[in-house]
Amino acid sequence: MENQVYTLGVWRVKPGQETAFVAAWKELGAFFMSLPEPPEPPGTLVQSLDDPQLFYSFGPWKSLEAIQAMRADPRTPAMIRQLAALCSEARPGNFRLVATVP
């Protein structure tokens, strides 16, 4: 369990940009799936029912090295900037799994 790693992003999308954000996130997800070590399973994007401008994205990766390789790919920063440009707040990050409920 302690070796399971995830990317997780908190995104506050600018008003009226929700549809464009979802489309850009799908484009980023398709790019991630084309990498030599893609997330498994593919990433997930959720939108708050109470605050429709608030999104969370997350996805499991095989290893921290796979995340580092994804972030080192020269296409990644531009795609993350494309998402962030649609947001008033963008906080992508790396996380590790520390507990689950059996």
N, C-alpha and C. Protein backbone atom coordinates (compact mmCIF):
# COMPACT_ATOMS: atom_id res chain seq x y z
N MET A 1 0.82 -1.20 0.00
CA MET A 1 0.00 0.00 0.00
C MET A 1 0.86 1.25 0.00
N GLU A 2 1.92 1.26 0.79
CA GLU A 2 2.73 2.48 0.91
C GLU A 2 3.44 2.84 -0.39
N ASN A 3 3.52 1.90 -1.34
CA ASN A 3 4.17 2.18 -2.61
C ASN A 3 3.21 2.72 -3.65
N GLN A 4 1.91 2.75 -3.36
CA GLN A 4 0.95 3.27 -4.31
C GLN A 4 1.00 4.79 -4.31
N VAL A 5 1.16 5.35 -5.51
CA VAL A 5 1.26 6.81 -5.63
C VAL A 5 0.19 7.31 -6.60
N TYR A 6 -0.21 8.55 -6.37
CA TYR A 6 -1.28 9.18 -7.14
C TYR A 6 -0.88 10.60 -7.51
N THR A 7 -1.45 11.07 -8.60
CA THR A 7 -1.48 12.51 -8.83
C THR A 7 -2.87 12.96 -8.42
N LEU A 8 -2.95 14.13 -7.83
CA LEU A 8 -4.22 14.70 -7.42
C LEU A 8 -4.15 16.20 -7.66
N GLY A 9 -5.17 16.72 -8.29
CA GLY A 9 -5.23 18.15 -8.54
C GLY A 9 -6.51 18.75 -8.00
N VAL A 10 -6.39 19.95 -7.44
CA VAL A 10 -7.55 20.73 -6.99
C VAL A 10 -7.64 21.90 -7.96
N TRP A 11 -8.80 22.05 -8.57
CA TRP A 11 -8.98 23.04 -9.62
C TRP A 11 -10.23 23.88 -9.34
N ARG A 12 -10.07 25.17 -9.21
CA ARG A 12 -11.22 26.07 -9.12
C ARG A 12 -11.31 26.77 -10.48
N VAL A 13 -12.30 26.38 -11.26
CA VAL A 13 -12.44 26.83 -12.64
C VAL A 13 -13.13 28.19 -12.67
N LYS A 14 -12.66 29.03 -13.57
CA LYS A 14 -13.28 30.36 -13.74
C LYS A 14 -14.73 30.19 -14.20
N PRO A 15 -15.60 31.10 -13.77
CA PRO A 15 -17.01 31.02 -14.18
C PRO A 15 -17.15 30.94 -15.70
N GLY A 16 -17.98 30.02 -16.15
CA GLY A 16 -18.23 29.86 -17.58
C GLY A 16 -17.21 29.01 -18.32
N GLN A 17 -16.15 28.57 -17.63
CA GLN A 17 -15.09 27.81 -18.28
C GLN A 17 -15.16 26.30 -17.98
N GLU A 18 -16.23 25.86 -17.34
CA GLU A 18 -16.32 24.47 -16.91
C GLU A 18 -16.24 23.49 -18.09
N THR A 19 -16.97 23.75 -19.16
CA THR A 19 -16.97 22.85 -20.31
C THR A 19 -15.59 22.81 -20.97
N ALA A 20 -14.96 23.96 -21.12
CA ALA A 20 -13.62 24.02 -21.71
C ALA A 20 -12.62 23.30 -20.81
N PHE A 21 -12.78 23.43 -19.49
CA PHE A 21 -11.88 22.76 -18.57
C PHE A 21 -12.00 21.24 -18.71
N VAL A 22 -13.21 20.73 -18.74
CA VAL A 22 -13.42 19.28 -18.88
C VAL A 22 -12.80 18.78 -20.18
N ALA A 23 -12.97 19.53 -21.26
CA ALA A 23 -12.39 19.14 -22.55
C ALA A 23 -10.86 19.13 -22.47
N ALA A 24 -10.27 20.14 -21.85
CA ALA A 24 -8.81 20.20 -21.72
C ALA A 24 -8.30 19.09 -20.82
N TRP A 25 -9.06 18.76 -19.76
CA TRP A 25 -8.65 17.67 -18.86
C TRP A 25 -8.68 16.33 -19.60
N LYS A 26 -9.69 16.12 -20.43
CA LYS A 26 -9.77 14.89 -21.22
C LYS A 26 -8.58 14.79 -22.18
N GLU A 27 -8.19 15.92 -22.76
CA GLU A 27 -7.03 15.94 -23.65
C GLU A 27 -5.77 15.56 -22.88
N LEU A 28 -5.62 16.11 -21.69
CA LEU A 28 -4.47 15.77 -20.85
C LEU A 28 -4.51 14.28 -20.50
N GLY A 29 -5.68 13.77 -20.16
CA GLY A 29 -5.81 12.35 -19.83
C GLY A 29 -5.44 11.45 -20.99
N ALA A 30 -5.86 11.82 -22.20
CA ALA A 30 -5.50 11.03 -23.39
C ALA A 30 -3.98 11.04 -23.59
N PHE A 31 -3.36 12.18 -23.35
CA PHE A 31 -1.90 12.27 -23.45
C PHE A 31 -1.25 11.35 -22.41
N PHE A 32 -1.72 11.40 -21.16
CA PHE A 32 -1.16 10.54 -20.13
C PHE A 32 -1.28 9.07 -20.51
N MET A 33 -2.41 8.68 -21.12
CA MET A 33 -2.60 7.28 -21.50
C MET A 33 -1.67 6.86 -22.63
N SER A 34 -1.10 7.81 -23.36
CA SER A 34 -0.17 7.49 -24.45
C SER A 34 1.27 7.34 -23.95
N LEU A 35 1.52 7.66 -22.69
CA LEU A 35 2.87 7.57 -22.14
C LEU A 35 3.30 6.11 -21.99
N PRO A 36 4.60 5.84 -21.96
CA PRO A 36 5.07 4.47 -21.78
C PRO A 36 4.56 3.82 -20.48
N GLU A 37 4.41 4.61 -19.41
CA GLU A 37 3.87 4.10 -18.14
C GLU A 37 2.67 4.96 -17.74
N PRO A 38 1.50 4.69 -18.32
CA PRO A 38 0.32 5.51 -18.03
C PRO A 38 -0.26 5.20 -16.65
N PRO A 39 -1.15 6.06 -16.17
CA PRO A 39 -1.83 5.76 -14.91
C PRO A 39 -2.68 4.49 -15.08
N GLU A 40 -2.82 3.75 -13.97
CA GLU A 40 -3.62 2.52 -14.00
C GLU A 40 -4.54 2.49 -12.79
N PRO A 41 -5.85 2.48 -12.94
CA PRO A 41 -6.59 2.73 -14.18
C PRO A 41 -6.49 4.19 -14.57
N PRO A 42 -7.10 4.57 -15.69
CA PRO A 42 -7.03 5.98 -16.11
C PRO A 42 -7.54 6.92 -15.02
N GLY A 43 -7.17 8.18 -15.14
CA GLY A 43 -7.53 9.19 -14.15
C GLY A 43 -9.03 9.45 -14.06
N THR A 44 -9.38 10.17 -13.01
CA THR A 44 -10.77 10.49 -12.71
C THR A 44 -10.88 11.99 -12.45
N LEU A 45 -11.95 12.59 -12.96
CA LEU A 45 -12.25 14.00 -12.70
C LEU A 45 -13.62 14.06 -12.06
N VAL A 46 -13.70 14.70 -10.90
CA VAL A 46 -14.99 14.88 -10.22
C VAL A 46 -15.25 16.36 -10.03
N GLN A 47 -16.54 16.71 -10.06
CA GLN A 47 -16.99 18.09 -9.90
C GLN A 47 -17.92 18.16 -8.70
N SER A 48 -17.73 19.17 -7.87
CA SER A 48 -18.57 19.34 -6.69
C SER A 48 -20.01 19.63 -7.10
N LEU A 49 -20.95 18.97 -6.44
CA LEU A 49 -22.37 19.24 -6.68
C LEU A 49 -22.79 20.55 -6.02
N ASP A 50 -22.12 20.92 -4.93
CA ASP A 50 -22.45 22.14 -4.20
C ASP A 50 -21.74 23.37 -4.76
N ASP A 51 -20.60 23.16 -5.40
CA ASP A 51 -19.78 24.26 -5.91
C ASP A 51 -19.28 23.84 -7.29
N PRO A 52 -20.08 24.03 -8.34
CA PRO A 52 -19.75 23.48 -9.66
C PRO A 52 -18.48 24.01 -10.31
N GLN A 53 -17.85 24.99 -9.70
CA GLN A 53 -16.56 25.46 -10.23
C GLN A 53 -15.39 24.72 -9.60
N LEU A 54 -15.66 23.86 -8.62
CA LEU A 54 -14.62 23.11 -7.92
C LEU A 54 -14.51 21.70 -8.48
N PHE A 55 -13.31 21.35 -8.95
CA PHE A 55 -13.03 20.03 -9.50
C PHE A 55 -11.83 19.41 -8.77
N TYR A 56 -11.84 18.10 -8.70
CA TYR A 56 -10.68 17.33 -8.23
C TYR A 56 -10.37 16.30 -9.30
N SER A 57 -9.09 16.14 -9.59
CA SER A 57 -8.68 15.09 -10.51
C SER A 57 -7.66 14.22 -9.78
N PHE A 58 -7.71 12.93 -10.07
CA PHE A 58 -6.76 12.02 -9.43
C PHE A 58 -6.58 10.78 -10.28
N GLY A 59 -5.43 10.17 -10.10
CA GLY A 59 -5.15 8.93 -10.83
C GLY A 59 -3.98 8.20 -10.20
N PRO A 60 -4.07 6.87 -10.14
CA PRO A 60 -2.98 6.06 -9.61
C PRO A 60 -1.91 5.82 -10.69
N TRP A 61 -0.68 5.77 -10.25
CA TRP A 61 0.44 5.51 -11.16
C TRP A 61 1.22 4.30 -10.64
N LYS A 62 1.97 3.66 -11.52
CA LYS A 62 2.74 2.47 -11.16
C LYS A 62 3.82 2.78 -10.14
N SER A 63 4.39 3.98 -10.23
CA SER A 63 5.52 4.32 -9.36
C SER A 63 5.72 5.83 -9.36
N LEU A 64 6.48 6.31 -8.38
CA LEU A 64 6.85 7.73 -8.36
C LEU A 64 7.70 8.06 -9.58
N GLU A 65 8.51 7.11 -10.03
CA GLU A 65 9.33 7.33 -11.22
C GLU A 65 8.45 7.55 -12.47
N ALA A 66 7.32 6.86 -12.55
CA ALA A 66 6.40 7.07 -13.68
C ALA A 66 5.82 8.48 -13.64
N ILE A 67 5.49 8.96 -12.44
CA ILE A 67 4.99 10.34 -12.31
C ILE A 67 6.08 11.33 -12.69
N GLN A 68 7.30 11.08 -12.22
CA GLN A 68 8.40 11.98 -12.53
C GLN A 68 8.68 12.01 -14.03
N ALA A 69 8.58 10.85 -14.69
CA ALA A 69 8.78 10.80 -16.14
C ALA A 69 7.68 11.58 -16.87
N MET A 70 6.44 11.45 -16.39
CA MET A 70 5.33 12.19 -16.99
C MET A 70 5.58 13.69 -16.84
N ARG A 71 5.97 14.12 -15.66
CA ARG A 71 6.19 15.55 -15.42
C ARG A 71 7.41 16.07 -16.19
N ALA A 72 8.38 15.19 -16.48
CA ALA A 72 9.57 15.59 -17.22
C ALA A 72 9.33 15.66 -18.73
N ASP A 73 8.25 15.05 -19.18
CA ASP A 73 7.94 15.10 -20.61
C ASP A 73 7.72 16.56 -21.00
N PRO A 74 8.34 17.02 -22.08
CA PRO A 74 8.23 18.44 -22.44
C PRO A 74 6.81 18.90 -22.77
N ARG A 75 5.91 17.97 -23.06
CA ARG A 75 4.52 18.34 -23.37
C ARG A 75 3.69 18.60 -22.12
N THR A 76 4.09 18.02 -20.99
CA THR A 76 3.28 18.11 -19.79
C THR A 76 3.11 19.54 -19.28
N PRO A 77 4.17 20.34 -19.11
CA PRO A 77 3.97 21.69 -18.58
C PRO A 77 2.99 22.53 -19.40
N ALA A 78 3.05 22.43 -20.72
CA ALA A 78 2.14 23.21 -21.56
C ALA A 78 0.69 22.76 -21.36
N MET A 79 0.48 21.47 -21.21
CA MET A 79 -0.88 20.97 -21.02
C MET A 79 -1.42 21.35 -19.64
N ILE A 80 -0.56 21.33 -18.63
CA ILE A 80 -0.97 21.75 -17.29
C ILE A 80 -1.28 23.25 -17.30
N ARG A 81 -0.46 24.03 -18.00
CA ARG A 81 -0.72 25.48 -18.11
C ARG A 81 -2.06 25.75 -18.80
N GLN A 82 -2.38 24.94 -19.81
CA GLN A 82 -3.66 25.08 -20.51
C GLN A 82 -4.82 24.89 -19.53
N LEU A 83 -4.72 23.88 -18.66
CA LEU A 83 -5.75 23.68 -17.63
C LEU A 83 -5.77 24.85 -16.66
N ALA A 84 -4.60 25.22 -16.16
CA ALA A 84 -4.50 26.28 -15.16
C ALA A 84 -5.03 27.61 -15.67
N ALA A 85 -4.89 27.87 -16.97
CA ALA A 85 -5.37 29.13 -17.55
C ALA A 85 -6.89 29.25 -17.45
N LEU A 86 -7.56 28.14 -17.33
CA LEU A 86 -9.03 28.13 -17.20
C LEU A 86 -9.47 28.23 -15.75
N CYS A 87 -8.51 28.36 -14.84
CA CYS A 87 -8.79 28.31 -13.41
C CYS A 87 -8.36 29.57 -12.69
N SER A 88 -9.03 29.84 -11.58
CA SER A 88 -8.56 30.88 -10.66
C SER A 88 -7.65 30.28 -9.60
N GLU A 89 -7.69 28.95 -9.46
CA GLU A 89 -6.81 28.22 -8.54
C GLU A 89 -6.51 26.87 -9.16
N ALA A 90 -5.24 26.48 -9.16
CA ALA A 90 -4.82 25.18 -9.71
C ALA A 90 -3.70 24.64 -8.83
N ARG A 91 -3.94 23.48 -8.22
CA ARG A 91 -2.94 22.89 -7.34
C ARG A 91 -2.76 21.41 -7.64
N PRO A 92 -1.95 21.07 -8.67
CA PRO A 92 -1.64 19.66 -8.90
C PRO A 92 -0.55 19.21 -7.94
N GLY A 93 -0.57 17.92 -7.59
CA GLY A 93 0.45 17.41 -6.68
C GLY A 93 0.57 15.90 -6.75
N ASN A 94 1.58 15.39 -6.04
CA ASN A 94 1.84 13.96 -5.93
C ASN A 94 1.50 13.51 -4.52
N PHE A 95 0.89 12.34 -4.41
CA PHE A 95 0.46 11.83 -3.11
C PHE A 95 0.75 10.33 -3.03
N ARG A 96 0.80 9.83 -1.80
CA ARG A 96 0.96 8.39 -1.60
C ARG A 96 -0.22 7.88 -0.80
N LEU A 97 -0.60 6.65 -1.05
CA LEU A 97 -1.70 6.04 -0.34
C LEU A 97 -1.23 5.65 1.06
N VAL A 98 -1.97 6.04 2.10
CA VAL A 98 -1.57 5.73 3.46
C VAL A 98 -2.59 4.85 4.18
N ALA A 99 -3.82 4.76 3.68
CA ALA A 99 -4.82 3.92 4.34
C ALA A 99 -6.01 3.68 3.43
N THR A 100 -6.63 2.54 3.59
CA THR A 100 -7.91 2.24 2.94
C THR A 100 -8.81 1.58 3.98
N VAL A 101 -10.09 1.55 3.69
CA VAL A 101 -11.06 0.90 4.57
C VAL A 101 -11.32 -0.50 4.00
N PRO A 102 -11.06 -1.56 4.78
CA PRO A 102 -11.28 -2.91 4.25
C PRO A 102 -12.75 -3.21 4.04
